[in-house]
């Protein structure tokens, strides 16, 4: 049995894909970055592929720390 998706549900998902997911405001006025869900997904995939290349697997525990200024 195939799942049923209404046209409206598909349209809503497509619209959300191009909406802004993250807005990063820098310390300097007027300096900011906006990422859409599509761009965010691409960045997550890049990061996942980098971790895979280092041998990180599902269930592994990792810690990342970036000191602020």
Protein backbone atom coordinates (compact mmCIF):
# COMPACT_ATOMS: atom_id res chain seq x y z
CA UNK A 1 0.00 0.00 0.00
CA UNK A 2 1.45 3.36 -1.03
CA UNK A 3 1.25 6.32 1.34
CA UNK A 4 -1.21 9.05 0.41
CA UNK A 5 0.03 12.63 0.37
CA UNK A 6 -2.38 15.44 -0.34
CA UNK A 7 -1.38 18.11 -2.80
CA UNK A 8 -1.61 20.68 -0.02
CA UNK A 9 0.75 18.74 2.25
CA UNK A 10 3.32 18.43 -0.53
CA UNK A 11 3.00 22.14 -1.36
CA UNK A 12 3.46 23.08 2.31
CA UNK A 13 6.64 20.99 2.53
CA UNK A 14 8.03 22.53 -0.65
CA UNK A 15 7.32 26.04 0.62
CA UNK A 16 8.96 25.28 3.96
CA UNK A 17 12.04 23.99 2.13
CA UNK A 18 12.79 27.51 0.85
CA UNK A 19 11.84 29.40 4.02
CA UNK A 20 14.45 30.81 6.37
CA UNK A 21 15.55 28.26 8.95
CA UNK A 22 18.32 30.17 10.75
CA UNK A 23 19.15 33.86 11.03
CA UNK A 24 22.62 34.58 12.41
CA UNK A 25 23.26 38.14 13.60
CA UNK A 26 26.89 39.24 13.82
CA UNK A 27 28.29 41.74 16.32
CA UNK A 28 28.62 44.33 13.56
CA UNK A 29 25.41 46.20 12.67
CA UNK A 30 23.84 45.04 9.42
CA UNK A 31 25.99 41.93 9.23
CA UNK A 32 23.94 38.74 9.21
CA UNK A 33 23.49 35.41 7.46
CA UNK A 34 20.20 33.73 6.64
CA UNK A 35 20.04 30.01 5.80
CA UNK A 36 17.03 28.38 4.18
CA UNK A 37 16.02 24.85 5.13
CA UNK A 38 17.60 23.70 1.84
CA UNK A 39 20.93 25.38 2.65
CA UNK A 40 20.82 24.07 6.21
CA UNK A 41 20.22 20.54 4.93
CA UNK A 42 23.20 20.86 2.57
CA UNK A 43 25.46 22.04 5.40
CA UNK A 44 24.30 19.19 7.66
CA UNK A 45 25.06 16.68 4.90
CA UNK A 46 28.54 18.15 4.40
CA UNK A 47 29.25 17.89 8.13
CA UNK A 48 27.92 14.33 8.28
CA UNK A 49 30.14 13.32 5.36
CA UNK A 50 33.20 14.85 7.03
CA UNK A 51 32.46 12.91 10.22
CA UNK A 52 31.96 9.72 8.20
CA UNK A 53 35.35 10.25 6.54
CA UNK A 54 36.91 10.31 10.04
CA UNK A 55 35.26 6.99 10.86
CA UNK A 56 32.50 8.32 13.10
CA UNK A 57 29.54 5.96 13.14
CA UNK A 58 25.98 6.07 14.43
CA UNK A 59 26.00 5.83 18.23
CA UNK A 60 29.55 7.15 18.68
CA UNK A 61 29.90 9.86 21.32
CA UNK A 62 31.71 13.02 20.25
CA UNK A 63 32.28 16.37 21.95
CA UNK A 64 32.91 19.67 20.23
CA UNK A 65 33.81 22.93 21.97
CA UNK A 66 34.43 26.32 20.41
CA UNK A 67 35.67 29.02 22.73
CA UNK A 68 33.97 32.37 22.43
CA UNK A 69 35.85 35.63 22.34
